[in-house]
Amino acid sequence: MARTDFDTLLQAGAHFGHMKRKWNPAMAPYIFMERNGIHIIDLNKTVKMLDEAADALKQIAKSGKRILFVSTKKQAKEIVAEKAEAIGMPYVIERWPGGMLTNFPTIRKAVKKMANIDKLIADGTYDKLSKRENLQIQRKRAKLEKNLGSIADLTRLPSALFVIDVAKEHIAVAEANRLGIPVFAIVDTNSNPNDIDFVIPANDDSSKAIEVILGAVCNAIKEGLDERKVEKADQDAAADKKEGAPKAKAAKKAEAEPVEKEAPKAEAESAEEDASDVKEAE
């Protein structure tokens, strides 16, 4: 079953590409036709490739790995933040910090700096500073939060990137390619799809189209996360059952032991009674 359909994408305007003079020839396989100087994207291919990308992302999420969403363009910022937060995935919607992937330890240091500022504010260390110094610290903290707050819980490199507008986010794509991190992306007719592992040909300027595609992708990721929880619960239940079997066996054995120990005692008492009877008879 498709995660979206031709009509839904059509109504969202996902089929509108860029003007012919701005096109990237590498996108030719995904273009259906030209109308009034504008390329029209083949939505039948979009539906198929979106399903393939969603299934791959589902498996990544099911394995417990992280997916980083990237889009700094105005039309997509709020949508990306909302969808990514709903499934607990990190995202970047402000300026892409150069070297975020290729120099990840430095980014982690900046995130830890933000956490240290919070700690020192909480324990009152900064109370002794002047108002001016406190204001500077607060501004620094706000800047760190704006740029890195959405990746604060990303403690290791992501296992995949989902990018909207690969031309605009070319630095992020280049870093991911360099590290061998698979890239999933909405690719418009003016972009190069050759550096993208999972291409979703569609209009990357339409907020409605972005919302439809992201909705399908995030639903797939949520399915993967839910299946992971179910499997983990089953594994825990099986482990508890396995541990419980020896305990039950030991308990059963412990219950049986007193009976076995009492048997000789009962025989001894019977022997004493017989001896007493013999003595009385004499």
C-alpha atoms as a PDB file:
ATOM      1  CA  MET A   1       0.000   0.000   0.000  1.00  0.00           C
ATOM      2  CA  ALA A   2       1.373   3.400  -1.036  1.00  0.00           C
ATOM      3  CA  ARG A   3       2.072   5.898   1.730  1.00  0.00           C
ATOM      4  CA  THR A   4       0.636   8.659  -0.417  1.00  0.00           C
ATOM      5  CA  ASP A   5      -0.987   8.858  -3.848  1.00  0.00           C
ATOM      6  CA  PHE A   6      -0.799  10.714  -7.125  1.00  0.00           C
ATOM      7  CA  ASP A   7      -3.822  12.941  -6.437  1.00  0.00           C
ATOM      8  CA  THR A   8      -2.608  14.044  -2.990  1.00  0.00           C
ATOM      9  CA  LEU A   9       0.763  15.066  -4.401  1.00  0.00           C
ATOM     10  CA  LEU A  10      -0.909  16.779  -7.355  1.00  0.00           C
ATOM     11  CA  GLN A  11      -3.154  18.860  -5.089  1.00  0.00           C
ATOM     12  CA  ALA A  12      -0.119  19.826  -3.001  1.00  0.00           C
ATOM     13  CA  GLY A  13       1.676  21.107  -6.112  1.00  0.00           C
ATOM     14  CA  ALA A  14       4.500  18.583  -5.860  1.00  0.00           C
ATOM     15  CA  HIS A  15       4.625  18.273  -9.663  1.00  0.00           C
ATOM     16  CA  PHE A  16       5.813  21.816 -10.354  1.00  0.00           C
ATOM     17  CA  GLY A  17       9.506  21.989 -11.181  1.00  0.00           C
ATOM     18  CA  HIS A  18      11.640  25.005 -12.043  1.00  0.00           C
ATOM     19  CA  MET A  19      11.862  26.876 -15.319  1.00  0.00           C
ATOM     20  CA  LYS A  20      13.476  24.955 -18.155  1.00  0.00           C
ATOM     21  CA  ARG A  21      16.475  27.280 -18.323  1.00  0.00           C
ATOM     22  CA  LYS A  22      17.311  26.484 -14.680  1.00  0.00           C
ATOM     23  CA  TRP A  23      17.055  22.714 -14.900  1.00  0.00           C
ATOM     24  CA  ASN A  24      19.746  20.176 -14.124  1.00  0.00           C
ATOM     25  CA  PRO A  25      19.994  17.629 -16.989  1.00  0.00           C
ATOM     26  CA  ALA A  26      20.597  14.849 -14.452  1.00  0.00           C
ATOM     27  CA  MET A  27      16.929  15.251 -13.429  1.00  0.00           C
ATOM     28  CA  ALA A  28      15.706  14.309 -16.931  1.00  0.00           C
ATOM     29  CA  PRO A  29      14.553  10.780 -15.891  1.00  0.00           C
ATOM     30  CA  TYR A  30      12.132  12.304 -13.376  1.00  0.00           C
ATOM     31  CA  ILE A  31      10.580  14.949 -15.653  1.00  0.00           C
ATOM     32  CA  PHE A  32       7.257  14.144 -17.313  1.00  0.00           C
ATOM     33  CA  MET A  33       6.941  17.104 -19.651  1.00  0.00           C
ATOM     34  CA  GLU A  34       7.434  20.832 -20.141  1.00  0.00           C
ATOM     35  CA  ARG A  35       4.545  23.286 -19.918  1.00  0.00           C
ATOM     36  CA  ASN A  36       4.827  27.031 -20.467  1.00  0.00           C
ATOM     37  CA  GLY A  37       8.582  26.861 -19.951  1.00  0.00           C
ATOM     38  CA  ILE A  38       8.261  24.987 -16.647  1.00  0.00           C
ATOM     39  CA  HIS A  39       9.215  21.354 -16.128  1.00  0.00           C
ATOM     40  CA  ILE A  40       6.540  19.032 -14.761  1.00  0.00           C
ATOM     41  CA  ILE A  41       7.733  16.236 -12.472  1.00  0.00           C
ATOM     42  CA  ASP A  42       6.473  12.684 -13.035  1.00  0.00           C
ATOM     43  CA  LEU A  43       4.447  12.071  -9.881  1.00  0.00           C
ATOM     44  CA  ASN A  44       4.092   8.352 -10.607  1.00  0.00           C
ATOM     45  CA  LYS A  45       7.843   8.087 -10.026  1.00  0.00           C
ATOM     46  CA  THR A  46       7.539  10.340  -6.984  1.00  0.00           C
ATOM     47  CA  VAL A  47       5.002   7.973  -5.369  1.00  0.00           C
ATOM     48  CA  LYS A  48       7.182   4.928  -6.035  1.00  0.00           C
ATOM     49  CA  MET A  49      10.423   6.520  -4.866  1.00  0.00           C
ATOM     50  CA  LEU A  50       8.794   8.019  -1.787  1.00  0.00           C
ATOM     51  CA  ASP A  51       7.617   4.550  -0.762  1.00  0.00           C
ATOM     52  CA  GLU A  52      11.117   3.134  -1.239  1.00  0.00           C
ATOM     53  CA  ALA A  53      12.670   5.920   0.826  1.00  0.00           C
ATOM     54  CA  ALA A  54      10.039   5.595   3.568  1.00  0.00           C
ATOM     55  CA  ASP A  55      10.568   1.833   3.841  1.00  0.00           C
ATOM     56  CA  ALA A  56      14.339   2.297   4.124  1.00  0.00           C
ATOM     57  CA  LEU A  57      13.927   4.985   6.819  1.00  0.00           C
ATOM     58  CA  LYS A  58      11.525   2.726   8.700  1.00  0.00           C
ATOM     59  CA  GLN A  59      14.177   0.007   8.905  1.00  0.00           C
ATOM     60  CA  ILE A  60      16.792   2.500  10.098  1.00  0.00           C
ATOM     61  CA  ALA A  61      14.478   3.691  12.874  1.00  0.00           C
ATOM     62  CA  LYS A  62      13.521   0.107  13.756  1.00  0.00           C
ATOM     63  CA  SER A  63      17.197  -0.730  14.299  1.00  0.00           C
ATOM     64  CA  GLY A  64      17.426   2.073  16.872  1.00  0.00           C
ATOM     65  CA  LYS A  65      19.485   4.471  14.764  1.00  0.00           C
ATOM     66  CA  ARG A  66      19.028   8.230  14.408  1.00  0.00           C
ATOM     67  CA  ILE A  67      17.958  10.226  11.349  1.00  0.00           C
ATOM     68  CA  LEU A  68      18.922  13.893  11.041  1.00  0.00           C
ATOM     69  CA  PHE A  69      16.475  16.193   9.219  1.00  0.00           C
ATOM     70  CA  VAL A  70      18.006  19.195   7.475  1.00  0.00           C
ATOM     71  CA  SER A  71      16.319  22.226   5.908  1.00  0.00           C
ATOM     72  CA  THR A  72      17.170  25.865   6.486  1.00  0.00           C
ATOM     73  CA  LYS A  73      14.749  27.273   3.926  1.00  0.00           C
ATOM     74  CA  LYS A  74      11.868  29.372   5.183  1.00  0.00           C
ATOM     75  CA  GLN A  75       9.073  27.277   3.652  1.00  0.00           C
ATOM     76  CA  ALA A  76      10.189  24.118   5.445  1.00  0.00           C
ATOM     77  CA  LYS A  77      11.534  25.236   8.849  1.00  0.00           C
ATOM     78  CA  GLU A  78       8.376  24.971  10.936  1.00  0.00           C
ATOM     79  CA  ILE A  79       7.202  21.800   9.201  1.00  0.00           C
ATOM     80  CA  VAL A  80      10.534  20.043   9.747  1.00  0.00           C
ATOM     81  CA  ALA A  81      10.670  21.085  13.407  1.00  0.00           C
ATOM     82  CA  GLU A  82       7.116  19.893  14.062  1.00  0.00           C
ATOM     83  CA  LYS A  83       7.452  16.547  12.270  1.00  0.00           C
ATOM     84  CA  ALA A  84      10.909  15.718  13.622  1.00  0.00           C
ATOM     85  CA  GLU A  85      10.000  16.581  17.223  1.00  0.00           C
ATOM     86  CA  ALA A  86       6.883  14.403  16.990  1.00  0.00           C
ATOM     87  CA  ILE A  87       9.036  11.315  16.359  1.00  0.00           C
ATOM     88  CA  GLY A  88      11.944  12.363  18.578  1.00  0.00           C
ATOM     89  CA  MET A  89      14.493  12.854  15.801  1.00  0.00           C
ATOM     90  CA  PRO A  90      17.156  15.618  15.648  1.00  0.00           C
ATOM     91  CA  TYR A  91      16.939  18.388  13.081  1.00  0.00           C
ATOM     92  CA  VAL A  92      18.730  21.474  11.770  1.00  0.00           C
ATOM     93  CA  ILE A  93      16.606  24.418  10.593  1.00  0.00           C
ATOM     94  CA  GLU A  94      19.006  27.287  11.230  1.00  0.00           C
ATOM     95  CA  ARG A  95      22.386  27.792   9.574  1.00  0.00           C
ATOM     96  CA  TRP A  96      24.196  24.515   8.950  1.00  0.00           C
ATOM     97  CA  PRO A  97      27.294  24.549  11.195  1.00  0.00           C
ATOM     98  CA  GLY A  98      30.219  23.783   8.882  1.00  0.00           C
ATOM     99  CA  GLY A  99      31.891  20.533   9.913  1.00  0.00           C
ATOM    100  CA  MET A 100      28.905  19.390  11.903  1.00  0.00           C
ATOM    101  CA  LEU A 101      29.404  15.833  10.635  1.00  0.00           C
ATOM    102  CA  THR A 102      33.055  15.805   9.602  1.00  0.00           C
ATOM    103  CA  ASN A 103      34.113  17.558  12.822  1.00  0.00           C
ATOM    104  CA  PHE A 104      31.416  16.163  15.092  1.00  0.00           C
ATOM    105  CA  PRO A 105      33.480  16.169  18.349  1.00  0.00           C
ATOM    106  CA  THR A 106      33.762  19.979  18.147  1.00  0.00           C
ATOM    107  CA  ILE A 107      29.990  20.285  17.808  1.00  0.00           C
ATOM    108  CA  ARG A 108      29.541  18.040  20.833  1.00  0.00           C
ATOM    109  CA  LYS A 109      31.853  20.314  22.837  1.00  0.00           C
ATOM    110  CA  ALA A 110      29.618  23.286  21.976  1.00  0.00           C
ATOM    111  CA  VAL A 111      26.551  21.324  23.109  1.00  0.00           C
ATOM    112  CA  LYS A 112      28.283  20.426  26.382  1.00  0.00           C
ATOM    113  CA  LYS A 113      29.172  24.089  26.846  1.00  0.00           C
ATOM    114  CA  MET A 114      25.461  24.894  26.686  1.00  0.00           C
ATOM    115  CA  ALA A 115      24.754  22.228  29.320  1.00  0.00           C
ATOM    116  CA  ASN A 116      27.525  23.612  31.564  1.00  0.00           C
ATOM    117  CA  ILE A 117      26.067  27.118  31.364  1.00  0.00           C
ATOM    118  CA  ASP A 118      22.689  25.722  32.455  1.00  0.00           C
ATOM    119  CA  LYS A 119      24.335  23.936  35.371  1.00  0.00           C
ATOM    120  CA  LEU A 120      26.206  27.024  36.575  1.00  0.00           C
ATOM    121  CA  ILE A 121      23.058  29.141  36.297  1.00  0.00           C
ATOM    122  CA  ALA A 122      21.104  26.581  38.321  1.00  0.00           C
ATOM    123  CA  ASP A 123      23.630  26.338  41.178  1.00  0.00           C
ATOM    124  CA  GLY A 124      23.928  30.128  41.490  1.00  0.00           C
ATOM    125  CA  THR A 125      27.544  30.417  40.315  1.00  0.00           C
ATOM    126  CA  TYR A 126      26.683  33.316  38.020  1.00  0.00           C
ATOM    127  CA  ASP A 127      24.830  35.256  40.714  1.00  0.00           C
ATOM    128  CA  LYS A 128      28.058  36.926  41.781  1.00  0.00           C
ATOM    129  CA  LEU A 129      28.719  38.300  38.299  1.00  0.00           C
ATOM    130  CA  SER A 130      27.675  41.736  37.127  1.00  0.00           C
ATOM    131  CA  LYS A 131      24.485  42.299  35.147  1.00  0.00           C
ATOM    132  CA  ARG A 132      26.494  42.932  32.014  1.00  0.00           C
ATOM    133  CA  GLU A 133      28.386  39.654  32.330  1.00  0.00           C
ATOM    134  CA  ASN A 134      25.161  37.765  33.023  1.00  0.00           C
ATOM    135  CA  LEU A 135      23.576  39.313  29.950  1.00  0.00           C
ATOM    136  CA  GLN A 136      26.507  38.216  27.796  1.00  0.00           C
ATOM    137  CA  ILE A 137      26.217  34.666  29.117  1.00  0.00           C
ATOM    138  CA  GLN A 138      22.473  34.616  28.463  1.00  0.00           C
ATOM    139  CA  ARG A 139      23.001  35.812  24.893  1.00  0.00           C
ATOM    140  CA  LYS A 140      25.643  33.161  24.339  1.00  0.00           C
ATOM    141  CA  ARG A 141      23.303  30.510  25.725  1.00  0.00           C
ATOM    142  CA  ALA A 142      20.445  31.690  23.489  1.00  0.00           C
ATOM    143  CA  LYS A 143      22.690  31.543  20.414  1.00  0.00           C
ATOM    144  CA  LEU A 144      23.808  28.011  21.242  1.00  0.00           C
ATOM    145  CA  GLU A 145      20.209  26.956  21.817  1.00  0.00           C
ATOM    146  CA  LYS A 146      19.091  28.419  18.501  1.00  0.00           C
ATOM    147  CA  ASN A 147      21.800  26.668  16.487  1.00  0.00           C
ATOM    148  CA  LEU A 148      22.341  23.456  18.438  1.00  0.00           C
ATOM    149  CA  GLY A 149      19.376  22.981  20.742  1.00  0.00           C
ATOM    150  CA  SER A 150      17.602  20.661  18.302  1.00  0.00           C
ATOM    151  CA  ILE A 151      20.601  18.293  18.186  1.00  0.00           C
ATOM    152  CA  ALA A 152      21.444  18.373  21.900  1.00  0.00           C
ATOM    153  CA  ASP A 153      20.584  14.674  22.285  1.00  0.00           C
ATOM    154  CA  LEU A 154      22.520  13.601  19.178  1.00  0.00           C
ATOM    155  CA  THR A 155      25.445  11.956  20.959  1.00  0.00           C
ATOM    156  CA  ARG A 156      26.835  10.209  17.886  1.00  0.00           C
ATOM    157  CA  LEU A 157      26.796  10.664  14.132  1.00  0.00           C
ATOM    158  CA  PRO A 158      23.373  10.109  12.555  1.00  0.00           C
ATOM    159  CA  SER A 159      22.812   7.001  10.450  1.00  0.00           C
ATOM    160  CA  ALA A 160      20.988   8.955   7.738  1.00  0.00           C
ATOM    161  CA  LEU A 161      20.172  12.483   6.578  1.00  0.00           C
ATOM    162  CA  PHE A 162      16.849  13.659   5.227  1.00  0.00           C
ATOM    163  CA  VAL A 163      17.370  16.864   3.256  1.00  0.00           C
ATOM    164  CA  ILE A 164      14.977  19.341   1.680  1.00  0.00           C
ATOM    165  CA  ASP A 165      16.569  21.325  -1.176  1.00  0.00           C
ATOM    166  CA  VAL A 166      19.912  19.637  -1.826  1.00  0.00           C
ATOM    167  CA  ALA A 167      21.199  22.674  -3.721  1.00  0.00           C
ATOM    168  CA  LYS A 168      20.792  24.899  -0.667  1.00  0.00           C
ATOM    169  CA  GLU A 169      22.062  22.231   1.746  1.00  0.00           C
ATOM    170  CA  HIS A 170      24.983  21.159  -0.444  1.00  0.00           C
ATOM    171  CA  ILE A 171      27.480  21.397   2.439  1.00  0.00           C
ATOM    172  CA  ALA A 172      25.449  18.970   4.549  1.00  0.00           C
ATOM    173  CA  VAL A 173      25.150  16.582   1.582  1.00  0.00           C
ATOM    174  CA  ALA A 174      28.893  16.798   0.880  1.00  0.00           C
ATOM    175  CA  GLU A 175      29.767  16.007   4.508  1.00  0.00           C
ATOM    176  CA  ALA A 176      27.398  13.049   4.568  1.00  0.00           C
ATOM    177  CA  ASN A 177      28.823  11.708   1.297  1.00  0.00           C
ATOM    178  CA  ARG A 178      32.327  12.041   2.639  1.00  0.00           C
ATOM    179  CA  LEU A 179      31.452   9.958   5.710  1.00  0.00           C
ATOM    180  CA  GLY A 180      29.334   7.422   3.833  1.00  0.00           C
ATOM    181  CA  ILE A 181      26.100   8.482   5.546  1.00  0.00           C
ATOM    182  CA  PRO A 182      23.106   7.756   3.266  1.00  0.00           C
ATOM    183  CA  VAL A 183      21.187  10.832   2.122  1.00  0.00           C
ATOM    184  CA  PHE A 184      17.426  10.912   1.554  1.00  0.00           C
ATOM    185  CA  ALA A 185      16.158  14.061  -0.135  1.00  0.00           C
ATOM    186  CA  ILE A 186      13.371  15.920  -1.865  1.00  0.00           C
ATOM    187  CA  VAL A 187      15.047  16.844  -5.156  1.00  0.00           C
ATOM    188  CA  ASP A 188      13.707  19.528  -7.495  1.00  0.00           C
ATOM    189  CA  THR A 189      14.461  19.883 -11.220  1.00  0.00           C
ATOM    190  CA  ASN A 190      17.249  22.425 -10.607  1.00  0.00           C
ATOM    191  CA  SER A 191      19.259  20.088  -8.357  1.00  0.00           C
ATOM    192  CA  ASN A 192      21.778  17.291  -8.837  1.00  0.00           C
ATOM    193  CA  PRO A 193      20.391  13.883  -7.797  1.00  0.00           C
ATOM    194  CA  ASN A 194      23.671  12.024  -8.331  1.00  0.00           C
ATOM    195  CA  ASP A 195      24.915  12.592  -4.770  1.00  0.00           C
ATOM    196  CA  ILE A 196      21.634  11.432  -3.223  1.00  0.00           C
ATOM    197  CA  ASP A 197      21.097   7.796  -2.210  1.00  0.00           C
ATOM    198  CA  PHE A 198      17.284   7.986  -2.091  1.00  0.00           C
ATOM    199  CA  VAL A 199      15.850  10.594  -4.451  1.00  0.00           C
ATOM    200  CA  ILE A 200      12.270  11.844  -4.005  1.00  0.00           C
ATOM    201  CA  PRO A 201      11.618  13.993  -7.113  1.00  0.00           C
ATOM    202  CA  ALA A 202       9.249  16.784  -6.111  1.00  0.00           C
ATOM    203  CA  ASN A 203       8.756  20.521  -5.704  1.00  0.00           C
ATOM    204  CA  ASP A 204      10.954  21.568  -2.769  1.00  0.00           C
ATOM    205  CA  ASP A 205       9.537  25.115  -2.643  1.00  0.00           C
ATOM    206  CA  SER A 206       5.909  24.228  -1.894  1.00  0.00           C
ATOM    207  CA  SER A 207       5.170  24.034   1.827  1.00  0.00           C
ATOM    208  CA  LYS A 208       2.147  21.812   1.103  1.00  0.00           C
ATOM    209  CA  ALA A 209       4.225  19.361  -0.910  1.00  0.00           C
ATOM    210  CA  ILE A 210       6.908  19.316   1.771  1.00  0.00           C
ATOM    211  CA  GLU A 211       4.296  18.638   4.440  1.00  0.00           C
ATOM    212  CA  VAL A 212       2.741  15.736   2.499  1.00  0.00           C
ATOM    213  CA  ILE A 213       6.098  14.082   1.822  1.00  0.00           C
ATOM    214  CA  LEU A 214       7.441  14.645   5.333  1.00  0.00           C
ATOM    215  CA  GLY A 215       4.189  13.325   6.772  1.00  0.00           C
ATOM    216  CA  ALA A 216       4.555  10.063   4.837  1.00  0.00           C
ATOM    217  CA  VAL A 217       8.219   9.731   5.788  1.00  0.00           C
ATOM    218  CA  CYS A 218       7.687  10.457   9.481  1.00  0.00           C
ATOM    219  CA  ASN A 219       4.743   8.050   9.674  1.00  0.00           C
ATOM    220  CA  ALA A 220       7.027   5.320   8.335  1.00  0.00           C
ATOM    221  CA  ILE A 221       9.698   6.196  10.897  1.00  0.00           C
ATOM    222  CA  LYS A 222       7.097   6.089  13.674  1.00  0.00           C
ATOM    223  CA  GLU A 223       6.045   2.620  12.512  1.00  0.00           C
ATOM    224  CA  GLY A 224       9.650   1.502  12.793  1.00  0.00           C
ATOM    225  CA  LEU A 225       9.979   2.953  16.301  1.00  0.00           C
ATOM    226  CA  ASP A 226       6.711   1.315  17.414  1.00  0.00           C
ATOM    227  CA  GLU A 227       7.757  -2.073  16.029  1.00  0.00           C
ATOM    228  CA  ARG A 228      11.072  -1.751  17.855  1.00  0.00           C
ATOM    229  CA  LYS A 229       9.237  -1.145  21.149  1.00  0.00           C
ATOM    230  CA  VAL A 230       7.010  -4.189  20.601  1.00  0.00           C
ATOM    231  CA  GLU A 231       9.963  -6.428  19.757  1.00  0.00           C
ATOM    232  CA  LYS A 232      11.888  -5.202  22.800  1.00  0.00           C
ATOM    233  CA  ALA A 233       8.879  -5.859  25.043  1.00  0.00           C
ATOM    234  CA  ASP A 234       8.587  -9.389  23.620  1.00  0.00           C
ATOM    235  CA  GLN A 235      12.289 -10.019  24.164  1.00  0.00           C
ATOM    236  CA  ASP A 236      12.077  -8.789  27.768  1.00  0.00           C
ATOM    237  CA  ALA A 237       9.047 -11.001  28.400  1.00  0.00           C
ATOM    238  CA  ALA A 238      10.847 -14.012  26.921  1.00  0.00           C
ATOM    239  CA  ALA A 239      13.925 -13.294  29.051  1.00  0.00           C
ATOM    240  CA  ASP A 240      11.808 -13.014  32.207  1.00  0.00           C
ATOM    241  CA  LYS A 241      10.104 -16.285  31.350  1.00  0.00           C
ATOM    242  CA  LYS A 242      13.451 -17.982  30.784  1.00  0.00           C
ATOM    243  CA  GLU A 243      14.784 -16.703  34.109  1.00  0.00           C
ATOM    244  CA  GLY A 244      11.555 -17.662  35.856  1.00  0.00           C
ATOM    245  CA  ALA A 245      11.720 -21.333  34.803  1.00  0.00           C
ATOM    246  CA  PRO A 246      14.806 -22.246  36.929  1.00  0.00           C
ATOM    247  CA  LYS A 247      13.364 -20.298  39.862  1.00  0.00           C
ATOM    248  CA  ALA A 248      10.080 -22.204  39.626  1.00  0.00           C
ATOM    249  CA  LYS A 249      11.960 -25.492  39.418  1.00  0.00           C
ATOM    250  CA  ALA A 250      14.054 -24.600  42.462  1.00  0.00           C
ATOM    251  CA  ALA A 251      10.944 -23.576  44.407  1.00  0.00           C
ATOM    252  CA  LYS A 252       9.246 -26.851  43.536  1.00  0.00           C
ATOM    253  CA  LYS A 253      12.314 -28.776  44.647  1.00  0.00           C
ATOM    254  CA  ALA A 254      12.452 -26.814  47.891  1.00  0.00           C
ATOM    255  CA  GLU A 255       8.826 -27.675  48.604  1.00  0.00           C
ATOM    256  CA  ALA A 256       9.492 -31.356  48.031  1.00  0.00           C
ATOM    257  CA  GLU A 257      12.602 -31.536  50.241  1.00  0.00           C
ATOM    258  CA  PRO A 258      10.879 -31.156  53.668  1.00  0.00           C
ATOM    259  CA  VAL A 259       8.575 -34.069  52.839  1.00  0.00           C
ATOM    260  CA  GLU A 260      11.543 -36.275  51.992  1.00  0.00           C
ATOM    261  CA  LYS A 261      13.305 -35.283  55.226  1.00  0.00           C
ATOM    262  CA  GLU A 262      10.226 -35.939  57.352  1.00  0.00           C
ATOM    263  CA  ALA A 263       9.821 -39.493  56.031  1.00  0.00           C
ATOM    264  CA  PRO A 264      12.807 -40.980  57.952  1.00  0.00           C
ATOM    265  CA  LYS A 265      11.611 -39.173  61.065  1.00  0.00           C
ATOM    266  CA  ALA A 266       8.193 -40.780  60.767  1.00  0.00           C
ATOM    267  CA  GLU A 267       9.817 -44.218  60.303  1.00  0.00           C
ATOM    268  CA  ALA A 268      11.958 -43.670  63.424  1.00  0.00           C
ATOM    269  CA  GLU A 269       8.916 -42.751  65.488  1.00  0.00           C
ATOM    270  CA  SER A 270       7.146 -45.885  64.239  1.00  0.00           C
ATOM    271  CA  ALA A 271      10.160 -48.026  65.181  1.00  0.00           C
ATOM    272  CA  GLU A 272      10.225 -46.492  68.679  1.00  0.00           C
ATOM    273  CA  GLU A 273       6.509 -47.278  69.122  1.00  0.00           C
ATOM    274  CA  ASP A 274       7.101 -50.902  68.063  1.00  0.00           C
ATOM    275  CA  ALA A 275       9.995 -51.224  70.496  1.00  0.00           C
ATOM    276  CA  SER A 276       7.806 -49.817  73.284  1.00  0.00           C
ATOM    277  CA  ASP A 277       5.068 -52.320  72.507  1.00  0.00           C
ATOM    278  CA  VAL A 278       7.561 -55.222  72.627  1.00  0.00           C
ATOM    279  CA  LYS A 279       8.918 -54.003  75.974  1.00  0.00           C
ATOM    280  CA  GLU A 280       5.418 -53.813  77.474  1.00  0.00           C
ATOM    281  CA  ALA A 281       4.620 -57.281  76.233  1.00  0.00           C
ATOM    282  CA  GLU A 282       7.681 -58.679  78.014  1.00  0.00           C
END
